[in-house]
Full PDB file with SEQRES, HELIX, SHEET, SSBOND, CRYST1, ORIGX, SCALE, CONECT and MASTER records, all heavy atoms in Angstrom:
SEQRES   1 A   35  TYR ASP GLY TYR MET PRO PHE GLN LYS GLN GLY SER GLU          
SEQRES   2 A   35  ILE ILE ARG GLU GLY LEU THR GLY GLY LEU SER HIS ARG          
SEQRES   3 A   35  ALA ALA ILE GLU LYS LEU ASN SER ALA                          
HELIX    1 AA1 TYR A    4  LEU A   19  1                                  16    
HELIX    2 AA2 HIS A   25  SER A   34  1                                  10    
CRYST1    1.000    1.000    1.000  90.00  90.00  90.00 P 1           1          
ORIGX1      1.000000  0.000000  0.000000        0.00000                         
ORIGX2      0.000000  1.000000  0.000000        0.00000                         
ORIGX3      0.000000  0.000000  1.000000        0.00000                         
SCALE1      1.000000  0.000000  0.000000        0.00000                         
SCALE2      0.000000  1.000000  0.000000        0.00000                         
SCALE3      0.000000  0.000000  1.000000        0.00000                         
ATOM      1  N   TYR A   1     -11.011  -6.887  26.844  1.00  0.00           N  
ATOM      2  CA  TYR A   1     -12.208  -6.864  25.842  1.00  0.00           C  
ATOM      3  C   TYR A   1     -11.821  -7.412  24.457  1.00  0.00           C  
ATOM      4  O   TYR A   1     -10.577  -7.467  24.085  1.00  0.00           O  
ATOM      5  CB  TYR A   1     -12.792  -5.489  25.745  1.00  0.00           C  
ATOM      6  CG  TYR A   1     -11.746  -4.415  25.129  1.00  0.00           C  
ATOM      7  CD1 TYR A   1     -11.620  -4.282  23.830  1.00  0.00           C  
ATOM      8  CD2 TYR A   1     -10.948  -3.709  26.124  1.00  0.00           C  
ATOM      9  CE1 TYR A   1     -10.641  -3.325  23.345  1.00  0.00           C  
ATOM     10  CE2 TYR A   1      -9.986  -2.789  25.570  1.00  0.00           C  
ATOM     11  CZ  TYR A   1      -9.940  -2.645  24.207  1.00  0.00           C  
ATOM     12  OH  TYR A   1      -8.936  -1.684  23.775  1.00  0.00           O  
ATOM     13  N   ASP A   2     -12.766  -7.833  23.763  1.00  0.00           N  
ATOM     14  CA  ASP A   2     -12.577  -8.304  22.376  1.00  0.00           C  
ATOM     15  C   ASP A   2     -12.136  -7.106  21.542  1.00  0.00           C  
ATOM     16  O   ASP A   2     -12.880  -6.109  21.408  1.00  0.00           O  
ATOM     17  CB  ASP A   2     -13.852  -8.964  21.770  1.00  0.00           C  
ATOM     18  CG  ASP A   2     -13.621  -9.575  20.438  1.00  0.00           C  
ATOM     19  OD1 ASP A   2     -12.475  -9.795  20.086  1.00  0.00           O  
ATOM     20  OD2 ASP A   2     -14.558  -9.936  19.742  1.00  0.00           O  
ATOM     21  N   GLY A   3     -10.921  -7.149  21.029  1.00  0.00           N  
ATOM     22  CA  GLY A   3     -10.345  -6.121  20.264  1.00  0.00           C  
ATOM     23  C   GLY A   3      -9.135  -5.577  20.929  1.00  0.00           C  
ATOM     24  O   GLY A   3      -8.445  -4.764  20.382  1.00  0.00           O  
ATOM     25  N   TYR A   4      -8.864  -5.966  22.239  1.00  0.00           N  
ATOM     26  CA  TYR A   4      -7.737  -5.396  22.948  1.00  0.00           C  
ATOM     27  C   TYR A   4      -6.436  -5.910  22.354  1.00  0.00           C  
ATOM     28  O   TYR A   4      -5.452  -5.092  22.303  1.00  0.00           O  
ATOM     29  CB  TYR A   4      -7.819  -5.786  24.430  1.00  0.00           C  
ATOM     30  CG  TYR A   4      -6.522  -5.431  25.145  1.00  0.00           C  
ATOM     31  CD1 TYR A   4      -6.193  -4.061  25.415  1.00  0.00           C  
ATOM     32  CD2 TYR A   4      -5.661  -6.365  25.428  1.00  0.00           C  
ATOM     33  CE1 TYR A   4      -5.036  -3.728  25.965  1.00  0.00           C  
ATOM     34  CE2 TYR A   4      -4.320  -6.090  25.970  1.00  0.00           C  
ATOM     35  CZ  TYR A   4      -3.995  -4.739  26.292  1.00  0.00           C  
ATOM     36  OH  TYR A   4      -2.832  -4.391  26.786  1.00  0.00           O  
ATOM     37  N   MET A   5      -6.356  -7.194  21.916  1.00  0.00           N  
ATOM     38  CA  MET A   5      -5.040  -7.685  21.502  1.00  0.00           C  
ATOM     39  C   MET A   5      -4.387  -6.909  20.315  1.00  0.00           C  
ATOM     40  O   MET A   5      -3.191  -6.512  20.336  1.00  0.00           O  
ATOM     41  CB  MET A   5      -5.140  -9.147  21.188  1.00  0.00           C  
ATOM     42  CG  MET A   5      -5.386 -10.108  22.352  1.00  0.00           C  
ATOM     43  SD  MET A   5      -4.277  -9.807  23.820  1.00  0.00           S  
ATOM     44  CE  MET A   5      -2.752 -10.164  22.996  1.00  0.00           C  
ATOM     45  N   PRO A   6      -5.198  -6.538  19.293  1.00  0.00           N  
ATOM     46  CA  PRO A   6      -4.620  -5.728  18.200  1.00  0.00           C  
ATOM     47  C   PRO A   6      -4.163  -4.335  18.744  1.00  0.00           C  
ATOM     48  O   PRO A   6      -3.219  -3.785  18.348  1.00  0.00           O  
ATOM     49  CB  PRO A   6      -5.771  -5.564  17.216  1.00  0.00           C  
ATOM     50  CG  PRO A   6      -6.577  -6.754  17.419  1.00  0.00           C  
ATOM     51  CD  PRO A   6      -6.570  -7.073  18.849  1.00  0.00           C  
ATOM     52  N   PHE A   7      -5.006  -3.779  19.766  1.00  0.00           N  
ATOM     53  CA  PHE A   7      -4.651  -2.479  20.319  1.00  0.00           C  
ATOM     54  C   PHE A   7      -3.282  -2.662  21.069  1.00  0.00           C  
ATOM     55  O   PHE A   7      -2.470  -1.709  21.085  1.00  0.00           O  
ATOM     56  CB  PHE A   7      -5.696  -2.005  21.308  1.00  0.00           C  
ATOM     57  CG  PHE A   7      -5.149  -0.871  22.162  1.00  0.00           C  
ATOM     58  CD1 PHE A   7      -4.960   0.468  21.682  1.00  0.00           C  
ATOM     59  CD2 PHE A   7      -4.799  -1.168  23.478  1.00  0.00           C  
ATOM     60  CE1 PHE A   7      -4.488   1.453  22.413  1.00  0.00           C  
ATOM     61  CE2 PHE A   7      -4.277  -0.070  24.258  1.00  0.00           C  
ATOM     62  CZ  PHE A   7      -4.088   1.151  23.722  1.00  0.00           C  
ATOM     63  N   GLN A   8      -3.007  -3.690  21.767  1.00  0.00           N  
ATOM     64  CA  GLN A   8      -1.834  -3.921  22.514  1.00  0.00           C  
ATOM     65  C   GLN A   8      -0.645  -3.765  21.620  1.00  0.00           C  
ATOM     66  O   GLN A   8       0.368  -3.124  21.960  1.00  0.00           O  
ATOM     67  CB  GLN A   8      -1.769  -5.237  23.267  1.00  0.00           C  
ATOM     68  CG  GLN A   8      -0.548  -5.441  24.044  1.00  0.00           C  
ATOM     69  CD  GLN A   8      -0.683  -6.690  25.043  1.00  0.00           C  
ATOM     70  OE1 GLN A   8      -1.277  -6.538  26.100  1.00  0.00           O  
ATOM     71  NE2 GLN A   8      -0.304  -7.766  24.588  1.00  0.00           N  
ATOM     72  N   LYS A   9      -0.759  -4.401  20.434  1.00  0.00           N  
ATOM     73  CA  LYS A   9       0.414  -4.284  19.475  1.00  0.00           C  
ATOM     74  C   LYS A   9       0.501  -2.799  19.007  1.00  0.00           C  
ATOM     75  O   LYS A   9       1.602  -2.250  18.895  1.00  0.00           O  
ATOM     76  CB  LYS A   9       0.167  -5.228  18.334  1.00  0.00           C  
ATOM     77  CG  LYS A   9       1.306  -5.244  17.214  1.00  0.00           C  
ATOM     78  CD  LYS A   9       1.008  -6.272  16.171  1.00  0.00           C  
ATOM     79  CE  LYS A   9       2.158  -6.390  15.204  1.00  0.00           C  
ATOM     80  NZ  LYS A   9       2.447  -5.154  14.524  1.00  0.00           N  
ATOM     81  N   GLN A  10      -0.618  -2.167  18.584  1.00  0.00           N  
ATOM     82  CA  GLN A  10      -0.606  -0.886  18.087  1.00  0.00           C  
ATOM     83  C   GLN A  10      -0.137   0.062  19.174  1.00  0.00           C  
ATOM     84  O   GLN A  10       0.678   1.023  18.875  1.00  0.00           O  
ATOM     85  CB  GLN A  10      -2.019  -0.485  17.600  1.00  0.00           C  
ATOM     86  CG  GLN A  10      -2.052   0.954  16.899  1.00  0.00           C  
ATOM     87  CD  GLN A  10      -3.482   1.248  16.468  1.00  0.00           C  
ATOM     88  OE1 GLN A  10      -4.444   0.529  16.756  1.00  0.00           O  
ATOM     89  NE2 GLN A  10      -3.653   2.353  15.730  1.00  0.00           N  
ATOM     90  N   GLY A  11      -0.639  -0.120  20.365  1.00  0.00           N  
ATOM     91  CA  GLY A  11      -0.241   0.793  21.432  1.00  0.00           C  
ATOM     92  C   GLY A  11       1.210   0.762  21.713  1.00  0.00           C  
ATOM     93  O   GLY A  11       1.881   1.746  22.053  1.00  0.00           O  
ATOM     94  N   SER A  12       1.824  -0.432  21.730  1.00  0.00           N  
ATOM     95  CA  SER A  12       3.225  -0.555  21.874  1.00  0.00           C  
ATOM     96  C   SER A  12       4.040   0.284  20.877  1.00  0.00           C  
ATOM     97  O   SER A  12       5.113   0.853  21.220  1.00  0.00           O  
ATOM     98  CB  SER A  12       3.643  -2.021  21.815  1.00  0.00           C  
ATOM     99  OG  SER A  12       3.068  -2.787  22.846  1.00  0.00           O  
ATOM    100  N   GLU A  13       3.571   0.187  19.638  1.00  0.00           N  
ATOM    101  CA  GLU A  13       4.247   0.934  18.608  1.00  0.00           C  
ATOM    102  C   GLU A  13       4.124   2.527  18.788  1.00  0.00           C  
ATOM    103  O   GLU A  13       5.077   3.240  18.639  1.00  0.00           O  
ATOM    104  CB  GLU A  13       3.735   0.622  17.214  1.00  0.00           C  
ATOM    105  CG  GLU A  13       4.005  -0.864  16.912  1.00  0.00           C  
ATOM    106  CD  GLU A  13       3.170  -1.345  15.693  1.00  0.00           C  
ATOM    107  OE1 GLU A  13       2.261  -0.663  15.296  1.00  0.00           O  
ATOM    108  OE2 GLU A  13       3.424  -2.437  15.241  1.00  0.00           O  
ATOM    109  N   ILE A  14       2.955   2.930  19.346  1.00  0.00           N  
ATOM    110  CA  ILE A  14       2.811   4.342  19.586  1.00  0.00           C  
ATOM    111  C   ILE A  14       3.634   4.737  20.761  1.00  0.00           C  
ATOM    112  O   ILE A  14       4.233   5.820  20.696  1.00  0.00           O  
ATOM    113  CB  ILE A  14       1.274   4.597  19.900  1.00  0.00           C  
ATOM    114  CG1 ILE A  14       0.456   4.356  18.665  1.00  0.00           C  
ATOM    115  CG2 ILE A  14       1.118   6.075  20.444  1.00  0.00           C  
ATOM    116  CD1 ILE A  14      -1.107   4.369  18.929  1.00  0.00           C  
ATOM    117  N   ILE A  15       3.731   3.996  21.812  1.00  0.00           N  
ATOM    118  CA  ILE A  15       4.641   4.305  22.918  1.00  0.00           C  
ATOM    119  C   ILE A  15       6.110   4.516  22.442  1.00  0.00           C  
ATOM    120  O   ILE A  15       6.832   5.357  22.808  1.00  0.00           O  
ATOM    121  CB  ILE A  15       4.560   3.289  24.045  1.00  0.00           C  
ATOM    122  CG1 ILE A  15       3.138   3.361  24.720  1.00  0.00           C  
ATOM    123  CG2 ILE A  15       5.673   3.411  25.101  1.00  0.00           C  
ATOM    124  CD1 ILE A  15       2.866   4.646  25.390  1.00  0.00           C  
ATOM    125  N   ARG A  16       6.442   3.592  21.545  1.00  0.00           N  
ATOM    126  CA  ARG A  16       7.851   3.617  20.974  1.00  0.00           C  
ATOM    127  C   ARG A  16       8.047   5.013  20.202  1.00  0.00           C  
ATOM    128  O   ARG A  16       9.087   5.668  20.380  1.00  0.00           O  
ATOM    129  CB  ARG A  16       8.178   2.504  20.122  1.00  0.00           C  
ATOM    130  CG  ARG A  16       9.543   2.506  19.482  1.00  0.00           C  
ATOM    131  CD  ARG A  16       9.920   1.175  18.946  1.00  0.00           C  
ATOM    132  NE  ARG A  16      11.326   1.251  18.329  1.00  0.00           N  
ATOM    133  CZ  ARG A  16      11.975   0.149  17.924  1.00  0.00           C  
ATOM    134  NH1 ARG A  16      11.479  -1.050  18.106  1.00  0.00           N  
ATOM    135  NH2 ARG A  16      13.246   0.336  17.547  1.00  0.00           N  
ATOM    136  N   GLU A  17       7.054   5.399  19.426  1.00  0.00           N  
ATOM    137  CA  GLU A  17       7.089   6.654  18.704  1.00  0.00           C  
ATOM    138  C   GLU A  17       7.302   7.799  19.722  1.00  0.00           C  
ATOM    139  O   GLU A  17       8.107   8.739  19.461  1.00  0.00           O  
ATOM    140  CB  GLU A  17       5.859   6.838  17.985  1.00  0.00           C  
ATOM    141  CG  GLU A  17       5.747   6.108  16.638  1.00  0.00           C  
ATOM    142  CD  GLU A  17       4.489   6.568  15.910  1.00  0.00           C  
ATOM    143  OE1 GLU A  17       3.356   5.959  16.067  1.00  0.00           O  
ATOM    144  OE2 GLU A  17       4.562   7.459  15.018  1.00  0.00           O  
ATOM    145  N   GLY A  18       6.509   7.710  20.854  1.00  0.00           N  
ATOM    146  CA  GLY A  18       6.681   8.847  21.838  1.00  0.00           C  
ATOM    147  C   GLY A  18       8.000   8.838  22.572  1.00  0.00           C  
ATOM    148  O   GLY A  18       8.365   9.796  23.085  1.00  0.00           O  
ATOM    149  N   LEU A  19       8.595   7.666  22.645  1.00  0.00           N  
ATOM    150  CA  LEU A  19       9.884   7.634  23.306  1.00  0.00           C  
ATOM    151  C   LEU A  19      11.132   7.848  22.512  1.00  0.00           C  
ATOM    152  O   LEU A  19      12.193   8.151  22.997  1.00  0.00           O  
ATOM    153  CB  LEU A  19      10.027   6.196  24.005  1.00  0.00           C  
ATOM    154  CG  LEU A  19       9.088   5.938  25.165  1.00  0.00           C  
ATOM    155  CD1 LEU A  19       9.154   4.516  25.605  1.00  0.00           C  
ATOM    156  CD2 LEU A  19       9.269   6.915  26.308  1.00  0.00           C  
ATOM    157  N   THR A  20      10.960   7.730  21.221  1.00  0.00           N  
ATOM    158  CA  THR A  20      12.123   7.868  20.342  1.00  0.00           C  
ATOM    159  C   THR A  20      12.082   9.152  19.485  1.00  0.00           C  
ATOM    160  O   THR A  20      12.896   9.365  18.594  1.00  0.00           O  
ATOM    161  CB  THR A  20      12.175   6.669  19.331  1.00  0.00           C  
ATOM    162  OG1 THR A  20      10.956   6.517  18.586  1.00  0.00           O  
ATOM    163  CG2 THR A  20      12.495   5.303  20.156  1.00  0.00           C  
ATOM    164  N   GLY A  21      11.124   9.999  19.889  1.00  0.00           N  
ATOM    165  CA  GLY A  21      11.050  11.328  19.172  1.00  0.00           C  
ATOM    166  C   GLY A  21      10.204  11.414  17.922  1.00  0.00           C  
ATOM    167  O   GLY A  21      10.113  12.462  17.324  1.00  0.00           O  
ATOM    168  N   GLY A  22       9.537  10.384  17.625  1.00  0.00           N  
ATOM    169  CA  GLY A  22       8.693  10.440  16.414  1.00  0.00           C  
ATOM    170  C   GLY A  22       7.425  11.206  16.771  1.00  0.00           C  
ATOM    171  O   GLY A  22       6.782  11.801  15.746  1.00  0.00           O  
ATOM    172  N   LEU A  23       7.005  11.268  17.950  1.00  0.00           N  
ATOM    173  CA  LEU A  23       5.903  12.014  18.448  1.00  0.00           C  
ATOM    174  C   LEU A  23       6.248  12.756  19.709  1.00  0.00           C  
ATOM    175  O   LEU A  23       6.988  12.209  20.558  1.00  0.00           O  
ATOM    176  CB  LEU A  23       4.643  11.222  18.659  1.00  0.00           C  
ATOM    177  CG  LEU A  23       3.913  10.516  17.420  1.00  0.00           C  
ATOM    178  CD1 LEU A  23       2.884   9.428  17.954  1.00  0.00           C  
ATOM    179  CD2 LEU A  23       3.284  11.624  16.655  1.00  0.00           C  
ATOM    180  N   SER A  24       5.629  13.917  19.954  1.00  0.00           N  
ATOM    181  CA  SER A  24       5.794  14.496  21.300  1.00  0.00           C  
ATOM    182  C   SER A  24       5.017  13.627  22.332  1.00  0.00           C  
ATOM    183  O   SER A  24       4.195  12.776  21.924  1.00  0.00           O  
ATOM    184  CB  SER A  24       5.171  15.879  21.375  1.00  0.00           C  
ATOM    185  OG  SER A  24       3.732  15.875  21.230  1.00  0.00           O  
ATOM    186  N   HIS A  25       5.222  13.829  23.599  1.00  0.00           N  
ATOM    187  CA  HIS A  25       4.691  13.010  24.566  1.00  0.00           C  
ATOM    188  C   HIS A  25       3.167  13.229  24.521  1.00  0.00           C  
ATOM    189  O   HIS A  25       2.337  12.196  24.592  1.00  0.00           O  
ATOM    190  CB  HIS A  25       5.272  13.310  25.967  1.00  0.00           C  
ATOM    191  CG  HIS A  25       6.620  12.878  26.017  1.00  0.00           C  
ATOM    192  ND1 HIS A  25       7.504  13.551  26.990  1.00  0.00           N  
ATOM    193  CD2 HIS A  25       7.381  12.081  25.411  1.00  0.00           C  
ATOM    194  CE1 HIS A  25       8.674  13.015  26.873  1.00  0.00           C  
ATOM    195  NE2 HIS A  25       8.705  12.075  25.887  1.00  0.00           N  
ATOM    196  N   ARG A  26       2.714  14.415  24.462  1.00  0.00           N  
ATOM    197  CA  ARG A  26       1.208  14.669  24.376  1.00  0.00           C  
ATOM    198  C   ARG A  26       0.619  14.138  23.164  1.00  0.00           C  
ATOM    199  O   ARG A  26      -0.508  13.475  23.244  1.00  0.00           O  
ATOM    200  CB  ARG A  26       0.982  16.192  24.515  1.00  0.00           C  
ATOM    201  CG  ARG A  26       1.111  16.811  25.911  1.00  0.00           C  
ATOM    202  CD  ARG A  26       0.710  18.316  25.861  1.00  0.00           C  
ATOM    203  NE  ARG A  26      -0.723  18.409  25.412  1.00  0.00           N  
ATOM    204  CZ  ARG A  26      -1.711  18.392  26.240  1.00  0.00           C  
ATOM    205  NH1 ARG A  26      -1.535  18.229  27.540  1.00  0.00           N  
ATOM    206  NH2 ARG A  26      -3.005  18.611  25.805  1.00  0.00           N  
ATOM    207  N   ALA A  27       1.296  14.323  22.030  1.00  0.00           N  
ATOM    208  CA  ALA A  27       0.759  13.713  20.782  1.00  0.00           C  
ATOM    209  C   ALA A  27       0.639  12.184  20.852  1.00  0.00           C  
ATOM    210  O   ALA A  27      -0.238  11.574  20.271  1.00  0.00           O  
ATOM    211  CB  ALA A  27       1.635  14.185  19.628  1.00  0.00           C  
ATOM    212  N   ALA A  28       1.655  11.544  21.397  1.00  0.00           N  
ATOM    213  CA  ALA A  28       1.672  10.161  21.556  1.00  0.00           C  
ATOM    214  C   ALA A  28       0.486   9.678  22.308  1.00  0.00           C  
ATOM    215  O   ALA A  28      -0.300   8.687  22.029  1.00  0.00           O  
ATOM    216  CB  ALA A  28       2.971   9.654  22.149  1.00  0.00           C  
ATOM    217  N   ILE A  29       0.176  10.355  23.515  1.00  0.00           N  
ATOM    218  CA  ILE A  29      -0.917   9.969  24.308  1.00  0.00           C  
ATOM    219  C   ILE A  29      -2.245  10.115  23.686  1.00  0.00           C  
ATOM    220  O   ILE A  29      -3.268   9.422  23.719  1.00  0.00           O  
ATOM    221  CB  ILE A  29      -0.965  10.698  25.688  1.00  0.00           C  
ATOM    222  CG1 ILE A  29       0.372  10.387  26.426  1.00  0.00           C  
ATOM    223  CG2 ILE A  29      -2.124  10.242  26.542  1.00  0.00           C  
ATOM    224  CD1 ILE A  29       0.689   8.892  26.632  1.00  0.00           C  
ATOM    225  N   GLU A  30      -2.407  11.281  22.866  1.00  0.00           N  
ATOM    226  CA  GLU A  30      -3.607  11.557  22.091  1.00  0.00           C  
ATOM    227  C   GLU A  30      -3.871  10.423  21.044  1.00  0.00           C  
ATOM    228  O   GLU A  30      -4.925   9.962  20.878  1.00  0.00           O  
ATOM    229  CB  GLU A  30      -3.488  12.847  21.461  1.00  0.00           C  
ATOM    230  CG  GLU A  30      -3.547  14.092  22.373  1.00  0.00           C  
ATOM    231  CD  GLU A  30      -3.325  15.408  21.698  1.00  0.00           C  
ATOM    232  OE1 GLU A  30      -2.923  15.349  20.469  1.00  0.00           O  
ATOM    233  OE2 GLU A  30      -3.512  16.408  22.390  1.00  0.00           O  
ATOM    234  N   LYS A  31      -2.701   9.959  20.414  1.00  0.00           N  
ATOM    235  CA  LYS A  31      -2.821   8.935  19.420  1.00  0.00           C  
ATOM    236  C   LYS A  31      -3.177   7.694  20.114  1.00  0.00           C  
ATOM    237  O   LYS A  31      -3.950   6.824  19.518  1.00  0.00           O  
ATOM    238  CB  LYS A  31      -1.541   8.824  18.667  1.00  0.00           C  
ATOM    239  CG  LYS A  31      -1.566   7.827  17.499  1.00  0.00           C  
ATOM    240  CD  LYS A  31      -0.240   7.861  16.794  1.00  0.00           C  
ATOM    241  CE  LYS A  31      -0.249   6.916  15.619  1.00  0.00           C  
ATOM    242  NZ  LYS A  31       1.050   6.942  14.788  1.00  0.00           N  
ATOM    243  N   LEU A  32      -2.583   7.402  21.264  1.00  0.00           N  
ATOM    244  CA  LEU A  32      -2.830   6.177  22.071  1.00  0.00           C  
ATOM    245  C   LEU A  32      -4.340   6.099  22.452  1.00  0.00           C  
ATOM    246  O   LEU A  32      -4.962   5.095  22.317  1.00  0.00           O  
ATOM    247  CB  LEU A  32      -1.958   6.097  23.274  1.00  0.00           C  
ATOM    248  CG  LEU A  32      -1.935   4.909  24.052  1.00  0.00           C  
ATOM    249  CD1 LEU A  32      -1.242   3.743  23.338  1.00  0.00           C  
ATOM    250  CD2 LEU A  32      -1.173   5.011  25.449  1.00  0.00           C  
ATOM    251  N   ASN A  33      -4.887   7.254  22.910  1.00  0.00           N  
ATOM    252  CA  ASN A  33      -6.272   7.293  23.274  1.00  0.00           C  
ATOM    253  C   ASN A  33      -7.213   6.999  22.104  1.00  0.00           C  
ATOM    254  O   ASN A  33      -8.286   6.406  22.213  1.00  0.00           O  
ATOM    255  CB  ASN A  33      -6.627   8.721  23.902  1.00  0.00           C  
ATOM    256  CG  ASN A  33      -6.197   8.720  25.363  1.00  0.00           C  
ATOM    257  OD1 ASN A  33      -6.092   7.617  26.096  1.00  0.00           O  
ATOM    258  ND2 ASN A  33      -6.018   9.898  25.915  1.00  0.00           N  
ATOM    259  N   SER A  34      -6.833   7.595  20.951  1.00  0.00           N  
ATOM    260  CA  SER A  34      -7.655   7.456  19.799  1.00  0.00           C  
ATOM    261  C   SER A  34      -7.671   6.007  19.306  1.00  0.00           C  
ATOM    262  O   SER A  34      -8.769   5.428  18.945  1.00  0.00           O  
ATOM    263  CB  SER A  34      -7.106   8.269  18.631  1.00  0.00           C  
ATOM    264  OG  SER A  34      -7.288   9.648  18.906  1.00  0.00           O  
ATOM    265  N   ALA A  35      -6.518   5.298  19.335  1.00  0.00           N  
ATOM    266  CA  ALA A  35      -6.468   3.886  19.033  1.00  0.00           C  
ATOM    267  C   ALA A  35      -7.266   3.023  19.956  1.00  0.00           C  
ATOM    268  O   ALA A  35      -7.953   2.087  19.632  1.00  0.00           O  
ATOM    269  CB  ALA A  35      -4.966   3.491  18.969  1.00  0.00           C  
TER     270      ALA A  35                                                      
MASTER        0    0    0    2    0    0    0    6  269    1    0    3          
END                                                                             
């Protein structure tokens, strides 16, 4: 959809946060869903 490409970049950064300890796994998914 129109708007997905910026989300893909933002979503990648959120996944990294969830994998490197910046966010808990649940918090990362909640942030991913919000974005």
